């Protein structure tokens, strides 16, 4: 009986994580080809108006880069990590707002520009979004208390 429960639990977890794993594998393959990544270190997925997958890693020139892959797989944007704000700096900007909880922080494309899209819960538990320009940390969009 316990074996049946364990197997069905494992199957349920596999089915639940399959779309994420499939998207990550596809995005990493495209990033390796288009962005010349030789090593991948992180994966982000954003889905506001458009779905983007971002793969962080190292390219053939040993530079740390981000490859932002649209769901279509075309027009991949490759950025040097040193040319913009890190995820940690973006998160620090959100923590200055004293959120109850940060839900996600991912690099994406917003109005044609690379940007960190961060979702969090305000102190009162309301959903908020903050979009920060990758190059300089400028607030591009703020949606509060949904």
Protein backbone atom coordinates (compact mmCIF):
# COMPACT_ATOMS: atom_id res chain seq x y z
CA UNK A 1 0.00 0.00 0.00
CA UNK A 2 2.79 2.43 0.92
CA UNK A 3 4.62 1.59 -2.30
CA UNK A 4 1.49 2.41 -4.32
CA UNK A 5 1.16 5.77 -2.53
CA UNK A 6 4.83 6.58 -3.12
CA UNK A 7 4.66 5.64 -6.79
CA UNK A 8 1.48 7.63 -7.39
CA UNK A 9 2.94 10.61 -5.52
CA UNK A 10 6.10 10.42 -7.64
CA UNK A 11 4.03 10.20 -10.82
CA UNK A 12 1.95 13.24 -9.79
CA UNK A 13 5.10 15.29 -9.10
CA UNK A 14 6.58 14.23 -12.45
CA UNK A 15 3.41 15.27 -14.30
CA UNK A 16 3.26 18.60 -12.45
CA UNK A 17 6.88 19.53 -13.17
CA UNK A 18 7.05 18.18 -16.73
CA UNK A 19 6.05 21.44 -18.52
CA UNK A 20 8.65 23.41 -16.53
CA UNK A 21 11.40 20.86 -17.19
CA UNK A 22 10.48 20.65 -20.87
CA UNK A 23 10.58 24.47 -21.22
CA UNK A 24 13.92 24.64 -19.42
CA UNK A 25 15.49 21.95 -21.60
CA UNK A 26 14.26 23.65 -24.80
CA UNK A 27 15.38 27.13 -23.67
CA UNK A 28 18.83 25.86 -22.66
CA UNK A 29 19.25 24.18 -26.05
CA UNK A 30 18.34 27.41 -27.87
CA UNK A 31 20.58 29.47 -25.55
CA UNK A 32 23.52 27.16 -26.22
CA UNK A 33 23.00 27.53 -29.98
CA UNK A 34 22.04 31.23 -30.28
CA UNK A 35 23.95 32.60 -27.30
CA UNK A 36 26.91 30.24 -27.59
CA UNK A 37 26.52 29.21 -23.96
CA UNK A 38 28.85 26.42 -22.87
CA UNK A 39 27.54 26.23 -19.31
CA UNK A 40 24.16 27.11 -17.80
CA UNK A 41 23.68 28.14 -14.18
CA UNK A 42 20.13 29.47 -13.76
CA UNK A 43 16.76 29.43 -15.46
CA UNK A 44 13.90 31.95 -15.18
CA UNK A 45 10.41 31.87 -16.70
CA UNK A 46 8.17 34.93 -17.07
CA UNK A 47 4.70 35.02 -18.47
CA UNK A 48 2.97 38.38 -18.40
CA UNK A 49 2.04 39.54 -21.91
CA UNK A 50 4.53 37.22 -23.57
CA UNK A 51 6.35 34.14 -22.30
CA UNK A 52 10.12 34.43 -22.00
CA UNK A 53 12.66 31.93 -20.73
CA UNK A 54 15.97 33.31 -19.50
CA UNK A 55 19.05 31.15 -19.19
CA UNK A 56 22.05 32.41 -17.25
CA UNK A 57 25.43 30.91 -17.99
CA UNK A 58 28.86 31.27 -19.49
CA UNK A 59 29.64 31.69 -23.20
CA UNK A 60 32.59 30.44 -25.24
CA UNK A 61 34.53 33.62 -24.38
CA UNK A 62 34.14 32.74 -20.66
CA UNK A 63 31.80 35.71 -20.12
CA UNK A 64 28.81 35.45 -17.79
CA UNK A 65 25.73 36.12 -19.92
CA UNK A 66 21.95 35.92 -19.97
CA UNK A 67 20.11 34.53 -22.98
CA UNK A 68 16.49 35.70 -23.07
CA UNK A 69 14.54 33.27 -25.23
CA UNK A 70 11.00 34.13 -26.39
CA UNK A 71 8.58 31.21 -26.36
CA UNK A 72 8.80 31.20 -30.17
CA UNK A 73 12.53 30.47 -29.90
CA UNK A 74 13.34 33.29 -32.34
CA UNK A 75 15.09 36.63 -31.76
CA UNK A 76 17.09 35.55 -28.70
CA UNK A 77 18.56 38.45 -26.72
CA UNK A 78 22.02 37.82 -25.26
CA UNK A 79 23.33 40.18 -22.57
CA UNK A 80 26.56 40.29 -20.62
CA UNK A 81 25.73 40.02 -16.95
CA UNK A 82 28.27 42.78 -16.23
CA UNK A 83 26.31 45.23 -18.44
CA UNK A 84 23.32 45.43 -16.13
CA UNK A 85 21.83 45.05 -12.72
CA UNK A 86 22.18 41.67 -11.04
CA UNK A 87 19.21 39.74 -9.71
CA UNK A 88 20.42 40.38 -6.16
CA UNK A 89 20.49 44.16 -6.70
CA UNK A 90 16.98 44.01 -8.21
CA UNK A 91 15.79 42.04 -5.19
CA UNK A 92 17.39 44.57 -2.83
CA UNK A 93 15.31 47.29 -4.48
CA UNK A 94 12.18 45.25 -3.77
CA UNK A 95 13.20 44.48 -0.19
CA UNK A 96 13.48 48.24 0.40
CA UNK A 97 9.69 48.29 -0.03
CA UNK A 98 9.31 45.94 2.95
CA UNK A 99 7.31 43.21 1.21
CA UNK A 100 5.71 40.35 3.09
CA UNK A 101 7.15 37.90 0.56
CA UNK A 102 8.92 37.97 -2.83
CA UNK A 103 7.25 35.50 -5.20
CA UNK A 104 9.53 35.65 -8.24
CA UNK A 105 12.30 37.67 -9.86
CA UNK A 106 13.18 36.98 -13.48
CA UNK A 107 14.90 38.73 -16.35
CA UNK A 108 12.61 39.29 -19.31
CA UNK A 109 11.80 41.74 -22.09
CA UNK A 110 9.49 44.66 -21.32
CA UNK A 111 8.55 47.16 -24.05
CA UNK A 112 11.48 45.90 -26.12
CA UNK A 113 14.06 46.32 -23.33
CA UNK A 114 15.61 43.81 -20.94
CA UNK A 115 14.09 44.18 -17.49
CA UNK A 116 13.79 42.42 -14.17
CA UNK A 117 10.18 41.52 -13.47
CA UNK A 118 9.55 40.93 -9.80
CA UNK A 119 6.32 39.87 -8.16
CA UNK A 120 5.79 40.15 -4.43
CA UNK A 121 3.20 40.44 -1.70
CA UNK A 122 2.87 43.77 0.08
CA UNK A 123 2.82 43.92 3.87
CA UNK A 124 -0.98 43.63 3.68
CA UNK A 125 -0.71 40.52 1.45
CA UNK A 126 -1.72 42.22 -1.82
CA UNK A 127 -0.05 41.15 -5.07
CA UNK A 128 2.41 43.67 -6.56
CA UNK A 129 4.65 43.77 -9.63
CA UNK A 130 7.79 45.82 -10.14
CA UNK A 131 9.61 46.06 -13.47
CA UNK A 132 13.15 47.44 -13.37
CA UNK A 133 15.24 48.31 -16.42
CA UNK A 134 18.18 45.91 -16.64
CA UNK A 135 20.76 48.52 -17.66
CA UNK A 136 20.19 51.05 -14.87
CA UNK A 137 17.51 49.89 -12.41
CA UNK A 138 14.99 52.56 -13.45
CA UNK A 139 11.39 51.67 -12.55
CA UNK A 140 9.60 50.95 -15.82
CA UNK A 141 6.32 49.77 -14.34
CA UNK A 142 4.84 49.38 -10.90
CA UNK A 143 1.55 47.65 -10.21
CA UNK A 144 0.46 47.60 -6.59
CA UNK A 145 -2.18 45.99 -4.44
CA UNK A 146 -3.98 43.68 -6.82
